[in-house]
PDB file of all heavy atoms in Angstrom:
ATOM      1  N   TRP A   1       0.849  -1.224  -0.034  1.00  0.00           N
ATOM      2  CA  TRP A   1       0.026   0.020  -0.024  1.00  0.00           C
ATOM      3  C   TRP A   1       0.871   1.236   0.010  1.00  0.00           C
ATOM      4  O   TRP A   1       2.010   1.221   0.441  1.00  0.00           O
ATOM      5  CB  TRP A   1      -0.960   0.027   1.156  1.00  0.00           C
ATOM      6  CG  TRP A   1      -0.399   0.232   2.553  1.00  0.00           C
ATOM      7  CD1 TRP A   1       0.104  -0.714   3.397  1.00  0.00           C
ATOM      8  CD2 TRP A   1      -0.280   1.477   3.262  1.00  0.00           C
ATOM      9  NE1 TRP A   1       0.534  -0.128   4.597  1.00  0.00           N
ATOM     10  CE2 TRP A   1       0.299   1.188   4.525  1.00  0.00           C
ATOM     11  CE3 TRP A   1      -0.598   2.770   2.966  1.00  0.00           C
ATOM     12  CZ2 TRP A   1       0.566   2.179   5.437  1.00  0.00           C
ATOM     13  CZ3 TRP A   1      -0.347   3.751   3.863  1.00  0.00           C
ATOM     14  CH2 TRP A   1       0.233   3.462   5.170  1.00  0.00           C
ATOM     15  N   GLY A   2       0.390   2.312  -0.569  1.00  0.00           N
ATOM     16  CA  GLY A   2       1.149   3.523  -0.713  1.00  0.00           C
ATOM     17  C   GLY A   2       0.278   4.761  -0.723  1.00  0.00           C
ATOM     18  O   GLY A   2      -0.906   4.595  -0.879  1.00  0.00           O
ATOM     19  N   THR A   3       0.846   5.842  -0.550  1.00  0.00           N
ATOM     20  CA  THR A   3       0.167   7.148  -0.570  1.00  0.00           C
ATOM     21  C   THR A   3       0.920   8.084  -1.505  1.00  0.00           C
ATOM     22  O   THR A   3       2.082   7.943  -1.680  1.00  0.00           O
ATOM     23  CB  THR A   3       0.007   7.787   0.820  1.00  0.00           C
ATOM     24  OG1 THR A   3       1.377   8.009   1.340  1.00  0.00           O
ATOM     25  CG2 THR A   3      -0.723   6.888   1.703  1.00  0.00           C
ATOM     26  N   GLY A   4       0.142   9.060  -2.076  1.00  0.00           N
ATOM     27  CA  GLY A   4       0.829  10.056  -2.872  1.00  0.00           C
ATOM     28  C   GLY A   4       1.473   9.468  -4.075  1.00  0.00           C
ATOM     29  O   GLY A   4       1.064   8.568  -4.710  1.00  0.00           O
ATOM     30  N   GLU A   5       2.660   9.979  -4.361  1.00  0.00           N
ATOM     31  CA  GLU A   5       3.469   9.532  -5.545  1.00  0.00           C
ATOM     32  C   GLU A   5       3.936   8.095  -5.432  1.00  0.00           C
ATOM     33  O   GLU A   5       4.258   7.448  -6.389  1.00  0.00           O
ATOM     34  CB  GLU A   5       4.568  10.483  -5.839  1.00  0.00           C
ATOM     35  CG  GLU A   5       5.646  10.528  -4.791  1.00  0.00           C
ATOM     36  CD  GLU A   5       6.709  11.611  -5.005  1.00  0.00           C
ATOM     37  OE1 GLU A   5       6.563  12.399  -5.885  1.00  0.00           O
ATOM     38  OE2 GLU A   5       7.730  11.522  -4.222  1.00  0.00           O
ATOM     39  N   LEU A   6       3.988   7.584  -4.213  1.00  0.00           N
ATOM     40  CA  LEU A   6       4.398   6.243  -3.977  1.00  0.00           C
ATOM     41  C   LEU A   6       3.263   5.227  -4.032  1.00  0.00           C
ATOM     42  O   LEU A   6       3.379   4.019  -3.710  1.00  0.00           O
ATOM     43  CB  LEU A   6       5.195   6.168  -2.658  1.00  0.00           C
ATOM     44  CG  LEU A   6       6.461   6.897  -2.605  1.00  0.00           C
ATOM     45  CD1 LEU A   6       7.133   6.689  -1.223  1.00  0.00           C
ATOM     46  CD2 LEU A   6       7.410   6.524  -3.693  1.00  0.00           C
ATOM     47  N   SER A   7       2.114   5.679  -4.409  1.00  0.00           N
ATOM     48  CA  SER A   7       0.975   4.745  -4.561  1.00  0.00           C
ATOM     49  C   SER A   7       0.779   4.375  -6.046  1.00  0.00           C
ATOM     50  O   SER A   7      -0.115   3.561  -6.362  1.00  0.00           O
ATOM     51  CB  SER A   7      -0.331   5.408  -4.065  1.00  0.00           C
ATOM     52  OG  SER A   7      -0.683   6.507  -4.941  1.00  0.00           O
ATOM     53  N   THR A   8       1.565   4.872  -6.947  1.00  0.00           N
ATOM     54  CA  THR A   8       1.364   4.679  -8.352  1.00  0.00           C
ATOM     55  C   THR A   8       1.745   3.214  -8.777  1.00  0.00           C
ATOM     56  O   THR A   8       2.491   2.557  -8.054  1.00  0.00           O
ATOM     57  CB  THR A   8       2.173   5.609  -9.197  1.00  0.00           C
ATOM     58  OG1 THR A   8       3.633   5.386  -8.970  1.00  0.00           O
ATOM     59  CG2 THR A   8       1.870   7.043  -8.915  1.00  0.00           C
ATOM     60  N   VAL A   9       1.317   2.761  -9.909  1.00  0.00           N
ATOM     61  CA  VAL A   9       1.616   1.429 -10.389  1.00  0.00           C
ATOM     62  C   VAL A   9       3.148   1.365 -10.480  1.00  0.00           C
ATOM     63  O   VAL A   9       3.721   0.301  -9.965  1.00  0.00           O
ATOM     64  CB  VAL A   9       0.990   1.215 -11.787  1.00  0.00           C
ATOM     65  CG1 VAL A   9       1.506  -0.099 -12.371  1.00  0.00           C
ATOM     66  CG2 VAL A   9      -0.541   1.234 -11.699  1.00  0.00           C
ATOM     67  N   ARG A  10       3.840   2.298 -10.973  1.00  0.00           N
ATOM     68  CA  ARG A  10       5.258   2.160 -11.151  1.00  0.00           C
ATOM     69  C   ARG A  10       5.963   2.156  -9.826  1.00  0.00           C
ATOM     70  O   ARG A  10       6.926   1.312  -9.618  1.00  0.00           O
ATOM     71  CB  ARG A  10       5.838   3.381 -11.982  1.00  0.00           C
ATOM     72  CG  ARG A  10       7.314   3.277 -12.274  1.00  0.00           C
ATOM     73  CD  ARG A  10       7.796   4.442 -13.113  1.00  0.00           C
ATOM     74  NE  ARG A  10       9.216   4.265 -13.412  1.00  0.00           N
ATOM     75  CZ  ARG A  10       9.644   3.553 -14.439  1.00  0.00           C
ATOM     76  NH1 ARG A  10       8.842   2.934 -15.224  1.00  0.00           N
ATOM     77  NH2 ARG A  10      10.980   3.415 -14.690  1.00  0.00           N
ATOM     78  N   SER A  11       5.592   2.910  -8.831  1.00  0.00           N
ATOM     79  CA  SER A  11       6.201   2.818  -7.518  1.00  0.00           C
ATOM     80  C   SER A  11       5.998   1.497  -6.831  1.00  0.00           C
ATOM     81  O   SER A  11       6.940   0.901  -6.272  1.00  0.00           O
ATOM     82  CB  SER A  11       5.674   3.957  -6.626  1.00  0.00           C
ATOM     83  OG  SER A  11       6.031   5.238  -7.114  1.00  0.00           O
ATOM     84  N   ILE A  12       4.775   0.961  -6.960  1.00  0.00           N
ATOM     85  CA  ILE A  12       4.529  -0.324  -6.299  1.00  0.00           C
ATOM     86  C   ILE A  12       5.246  -1.486  -6.963  1.00  0.00           C
ATOM     87  O   ILE A  12       5.861  -2.329  -6.305  1.00  0.00           O
ATOM     88  CB  ILE A  12       2.983  -0.605  -6.212  1.00  0.00           C
ATOM     89  CG1 ILE A  12       2.215   0.478  -5.467  1.00  0.00           C
ATOM     90  CG2 ILE A  12       2.742  -1.984  -5.712  1.00  0.00           C
ATOM     91  CD1 ILE A  12       2.621   0.546  -4.022  1.00  0.00           C
ATOM     92  N   LEU A  13       5.191  -1.488  -8.310  1.00  0.00           N
ATOM     93  CA  LEU A  13       5.862  -2.500  -9.023  1.00  0.00           C
ATOM     94  C   LEU A  13       7.418  -2.426  -8.755  1.00  0.00           C
ATOM     95  O   LEU A  13       7.997  -3.519  -8.622  1.00  0.00           O
ATOM     96  CB  LEU A  13       5.560  -2.335 -10.509  1.00  0.00           C
ATOM     97  CG  LEU A  13       5.997  -3.438 -11.522  1.00  0.00           C
ATOM     98  CD1 LEU A  13       7.489  -3.307 -11.950  1.00  0.00           C
ATOM     99  CD2 LEU A  13       5.662  -4.800 -11.091  1.00  0.00           C
ATOM    100  N   THR A  14       7.914  -1.244  -8.758  1.00  0.00           N
ATOM    101  CA  THR A  14       9.374  -1.087  -8.472  1.00  0.00           C
ATOM    102  C   THR A  14       9.765  -1.690  -7.086  1.00  0.00           C
ATOM    103  O   THR A  14      10.762  -2.371  -6.977  1.00  0.00           O
ATOM    104  CB  THR A  14       9.813   0.418  -8.592  1.00  0.00           C
ATOM    105  OG1 THR A  14       9.480   0.810  -9.891  1.00  0.00           O
ATOM    106  CG2 THR A  14      11.256   0.555  -8.246  1.00  0.00           C
ATOM    107  N   ALA A  15       8.917  -1.361  -6.125  1.00  0.00           N
ATOM    108  CA  ALA A  15       9.157  -1.973  -4.755  1.00  0.00           C
ATOM    109  C   ALA A  15       9.109  -3.434  -4.789  1.00  0.00           C
ATOM    110  O   ALA A  15       9.967  -4.169  -4.140  1.00  0.00           O
ATOM    111  CB  ALA A  15       8.111  -1.373  -3.758  1.00  0.00           C
ATOM    112  N   TRP A  16       8.257  -4.054  -5.499  1.00  0.00           N
ATOM    113  CA  TRP A  16       8.154  -5.472  -5.629  1.00  0.00           C
ATOM    114  C   TRP A  16       9.427  -6.039  -6.374  1.00  0.00           C
ATOM    115  O   TRP A  16       9.926  -7.081  -5.978  1.00  0.00           O
ATOM    116  CB  TRP A  16       6.876  -5.860  -6.301  1.00  0.00           C
ATOM    117  CG  TRP A  16       5.576  -5.776  -5.394  1.00  0.00           C
ATOM    118  CD1 TRP A  16       5.562  -5.782  -4.147  1.00  0.00           C
ATOM    119  CD2 TRP A  16       4.238  -5.779  -5.890  1.00  0.00           C
ATOM    120  NE1 TRP A  16       4.310  -5.762  -3.714  1.00  0.00           N
ATOM    121  CE2 TRP A  16       3.454  -5.702  -4.696  1.00  0.00           C
ATOM    122  CE3 TRP A  16       3.637  -5.845  -7.161  1.00  0.00           C
ATOM    123  CZ2 TRP A  16       2.070  -5.662  -4.833  1.00  0.00           C
ATOM    124  CZ3 TRP A  16       2.270  -5.807  -7.202  1.00  0.00           C
ATOM    125  CH2 TRP A  16       1.466  -5.796  -5.999  1.00  0.00           C
ATOM    126  N   VAL A  17       9.787  -5.428  -7.438  1.00  0.00           N
ATOM    127  CA  VAL A  17      10.922  -5.922  -8.172  1.00  0.00           C
ATOM    128  C   VAL A  17      12.153  -5.868  -7.326  1.00  0.00           C
ATOM    129  O   VAL A  17      13.015  -6.764  -7.385  1.00  0.00           O
ATOM    130  CB  VAL A  17      11.136  -5.018  -9.465  1.00  0.00           C
ATOM    131  CG1 VAL A  17      12.529  -5.223 -10.106  1.00  0.00           C
ATOM    132  CG2 VAL A  17      10.059  -5.354 -10.539  1.00  0.00           C
ATOM    133  N   TYR A  18      12.341  -4.925  -6.458  1.00  0.00           N
ATOM    134  CA  TYR A  18      13.581  -4.774  -5.676  1.00  0.00           C
ATOM    135  C   TYR A  18      13.460  -5.535  -4.290  1.00  0.00           C
ATOM    136  O   TYR A  18      14.388  -5.498  -3.496  1.00  0.00           O
ATOM    137  CB  TYR A  18      13.890  -3.320  -5.392  1.00  0.00           C
ATOM    138  CG  TYR A  18      14.684  -2.727  -6.576  1.00  0.00           C
ATOM    139  CD1 TYR A  18      13.927  -2.104  -7.660  1.00  0.00           C
ATOM    140  CD2 TYR A  18      16.052  -2.825  -6.629  1.00  0.00           C
ATOM    141  CE1 TYR A  18      14.617  -1.568  -8.696  1.00  0.00           C
ATOM    142  CE2 TYR A  18      16.668  -2.295  -7.731  1.00  0.00           C
ATOM    143  CZ  TYR A  18      16.005  -1.628  -8.807  1.00  0.00           C
ATOM    144  OH  TYR A  18      16.720  -1.109  -9.878  1.00  0.00           O
ATOM    145  N   SER A  19      12.340  -6.268  -4.138  1.00  0.00           N
ATOM    146  CA  SER A  19      12.273  -7.172  -3.015  1.00  0.00           C
ATOM    147  C   SER A  19      12.392  -8.639  -3.523  1.00  0.00           C
ATOM    148  O   SER A  19      11.621  -9.069  -4.326  1.00  0.00           O
ATOM    149  CB  SER A  19      10.854  -7.030  -2.296  1.00  0.00           C
ATOM    150  OG  SER A  19      10.654  -8.056  -1.443  1.00  0.00           O
ATOM    151  N   PRO A  20      13.428  -9.338  -3.064  1.00  0.00           N
ATOM    152  CA  PRO A  20      13.659 -10.701  -3.579  1.00  0.00           C
ATOM    153  C   PRO A  20      12.445 -11.619  -3.487  1.00  0.00           C
ATOM    154  O   PRO A  20      12.088 -12.319  -4.506  1.00  0.00           O
ATOM    155  CB  PRO A  20      14.736 -11.208  -2.716  1.00  0.00           C
ATOM    156  CG  PRO A  20      15.511 -10.022  -2.266  1.00  0.00           C
ATOM    157  CD  PRO A  20      14.411  -8.948  -2.079  1.00  0.00           C
ATOM    158  N   GLU A  21      11.679 -11.585  -2.387  1.00  0.00           N
ATOM    159  CA  GLU A  21      10.538 -12.494  -2.266  1.00  0.00           C
ATOM    160  C   GLU A  21       9.384 -12.061  -3.137  1.00  0.00           C
ATOM    161  O   GLU A  21       8.753 -12.955  -3.782  1.00  0.00           O
ATOM    162  CB  GLU A  21      10.095 -12.516  -0.832  1.00  0.00           C
ATOM    163  CG  GLU A  21      11.106 -13.170   0.161  1.00  0.00           C
ATOM    164  CD  GLU A  21      12.199 -12.215   0.644  1.00  0.00           C
ATOM    165  OE1 GLU A  21      12.075 -10.968   0.277  1.00  0.00           O
ATOM    166  OE2 GLU A  21      13.076 -12.634   1.493  1.00  0.00           O
ATOM    167  N   HIS A  22       9.128 -10.802  -3.257  1.00  0.00           N
ATOM    168  CA  HIS A  22       8.084 -10.383  -4.127  1.00  0.00           C
ATOM    169  C   HIS A  22       8.378 -10.659  -5.602  1.00  0.00           C
ATOM    170  O   HIS A  22       7.535 -11.084  -6.362  1.00  0.00           O
ATOM    171  CB  HIS A  22       7.808  -8.887  -3.980  1.00  0.00           C
ATOM    172  CG  HIS A  22       7.250  -8.426  -2.685  1.00  0.00           C
ATOM    173  ND1 HIS A  22       8.113  -8.256  -1.576  1.00  0.00           N
ATOM    174  CD2 HIS A  22       5.998  -8.229  -2.235  1.00  0.00           C
ATOM    175  CE1 HIS A  22       7.349  -7.940  -0.493  1.00  0.00           C
ATOM    176  NE2 HIS A  22       6.112  -7.847  -0.880  1.00  0.00           N
ATOM    177  N   LEU A  23       9.638 -10.416  -5.939  1.00  0.00           N
ATOM    178  CA  LEU A  23      10.049 -10.670  -7.369  1.00  0.00           C
ATOM    179  C   LEU A  23       9.987 -12.178  -7.604  1.00  0.00           C
ATOM    180  O   LEU A  23       9.570 -12.579  -8.704  1.00  0.00           O
ATOM    181  CB  LEU A  23      11.472 -10.213  -7.527  1.00  0.00           C
ATOM    182  CG  LEU A  23      12.007 -10.274  -9.015  1.00  0.00           C
ATOM    183  CD1 LEU A  23      11.139  -9.517  -9.960  1.00  0.00           C
ATOM    184  CD2 LEU A  23      13.467  -9.788  -9.039  1.00  0.00           C
ATOM    185  N   ALA A  24      10.403 -12.984  -6.645  1.00  0.00           N
ATOM    186  CA  ALA A  24      10.268 -14.436  -6.896  1.00  0.00           C
ATOM    187  C   ALA A  24       8.794 -14.908  -7.183  1.00  0.00           C
ATOM    188  O   ALA A  24       8.537 -15.759  -8.015  1.00  0.00           O
ATOM    189  CB  ALA A  24      10.880 -15.144  -5.685  1.00  0.00           C
ATOM    190  N   ASN A  25       7.885 -14.244  -6.482  1.00  0.00           N
ATOM    191  CA  ASN A  25       6.467 -14.546  -6.720  1.00  0.00           C
ATOM    192  C   ASN A  25       6.130 -14.157  -8.110  1.00  0.00           C
ATOM    193  O   ASN A  25       5.428 -14.985  -8.872  1.00  0.00           O
ATOM    194  CB  ASN A  25       5.567 -13.874  -5.741  1.00  0.00           C
ATOM    195  CG  ASN A  25       5.135 -14.762  -4.584  1.00  0.00           C
ATOM    196  OD1 ASN A  25       5.428 -15.894  -4.555  1.00  0.00           O
ATOM    197  ND2 ASN A  25       4.289 -14.127  -3.799  1.00  0.00           N
ATOM    198  N   MET A  26       6.544 -13.045  -8.568  1.00  0.00           N
ATOM    199  CA  MET A  26       6.157 -12.542  -9.929  1.00  0.00           C
ATOM    200  C   MET A  26       6.745 -13.348 -11.025  1.00  0.00           C
ATOM    201  O   MET A  26       6.116 -13.589 -12.077  1.00  0.00           O
ATOM    202  CB  MET A  26       6.607 -11.088 -10.052  1.00  0.00           C
ATOM    203  CG  MET A  26       5.759 -10.073  -9.345  1.00  0.00           C
ATOM    204  SD  MET A  26       5.981  -8.423  -9.993  1.00  0.00           S
ATOM    205  CE  MET A  26       7.606  -8.022  -9.467  1.00  0.00           C
ATOM    206  N   LEU A  27       8.005 -13.853 -10.792  1.00  0.00           N
ATOM    207  CA  LEU A  27       8.740 -14.512 -11.868  1.00  0.00           C
ATOM    208  C   LEU A  27       8.640 -16.062 -11.876  1.00  0.00           C
ATOM    209  O   LEU A  27       9.066 -16.713 -12.781  1.00  0.00           O
ATOM    210  CB  LEU A  27      10.227 -14.135 -11.860  1.00  0.00           C
ATOM    211  CG  LEU A  27      10.508 -12.620 -12.019  1.00  0.00           C
ATOM    212  CD1 LEU A  27      11.967 -12.407 -12.132  1.00  0.00           C
ATOM    213  CD2 LEU A  27       9.758 -11.954 -13.180  1.00  0.00           C
ATOM    214  N   SER A  28       8.102 -16.560 -10.798  1.00  0.00           N
ATOM    215  CA  SER A  28       8.072 -17.964 -10.546  1.00  0.00           C
ATOM    216  C   SER A  28       7.349 -18.726 -11.716  1.00  0.00           C
ATOM    217  O   SER A  28       6.243 -18.362 -12.099  1.00  0.00           O
ATOM    218  CB  SER A  28       7.398 -18.368  -9.198  1.00  0.00           C
ATOM    219  OG  SER A  28       7.360 -19.800  -9.142  1.00  0.00           O
ATOM    220  N   ASP A  29       7.976 -19.841 -12.226  1.00  0.00           N
ATOM    221  CA  ASP A  29       7.294 -20.617 -13.201  1.00  0.00           C
ATOM    222  C   ASP A  29       6.333 -21.600 -12.598  1.00  0.00           C
ATOM    223  O   ASP A  29       5.667 -22.448 -13.278  1.00  0.00           O
ATOM    224  CB  ASP A  29       8.306 -21.333 -14.111  1.00  0.00           C
ATOM    225  CG  ASP A  29       9.178 -22.289 -13.367  1.00  0.00           C
ATOM    226  OD1 ASP A  29       9.026 -22.480 -12.088  1.00  0.00           O
ATOM    227  OD2 ASP A  29      10.111 -22.932 -13.967  1.00  0.00           O
ATOM    228  N   SER A  30       6.109 -21.543 -11.246  1.00  0.00           N
ATOM    229  CA  SER A  30       5.101 -22.276 -10.619  1.00  0.00           C
ATOM    230  C   SER A  30       3.678 -21.756 -11.018  1.00  0.00           C
ATOM    231  O   SER A  30       2.704 -22.500 -10.816  1.00  0.00           O
ATOM    232  CB  SER A  30       5.205 -22.252  -9.139  1.00  0.00           C
ATOM    233  OG  SER A  30       6.463 -22.779  -8.709  1.00  0.00           O
ATOM    234  N   PHE A  31       3.591 -20.539 -11.379  1.00  0.00           N
ATOM    235  CA  PHE A  31       2.299 -19.900 -11.620  1.00  0.00           C
ATOM    236  C   PHE A  31       2.118 -19.650 -13.124  1.00  0.00           C
ATOM    237  O   PHE A  31       3.044 -19.281 -13.843  1.00  0.00           O
ATOM    238  CB  PHE A  31       2.223 -18.593 -10.834  1.00  0.00           C
ATOM    239  CG  PHE A  31       2.436 -18.680  -9.414  1.00  0.00           C
ATOM    240  CD1 PHE A  31       3.343 -17.850  -8.767  1.00  0.00           C
ATOM    241  CD2 PHE A  31       1.814 -19.691  -8.643  1.00  0.00           C
ATOM    242  CE1 PHE A  31       3.592 -17.919  -7.351  1.00  0.00           C
ATOM    243  CE2 PHE A  31       1.975 -19.729  -7.271  1.00  0.00           C
ATOM    244  CZ  PHE A  31       2.885 -18.975  -6.664  1.00  0.00           C
TER     245      PHE A  31
END
């Protein structure tokens, strides 16, 4: 969750990309 400029799609996606666990979920070939 975010507020202001850090609530945008780009900000949230960037935070997920730079978190190893979030990125692993996004890229996993299990899904």
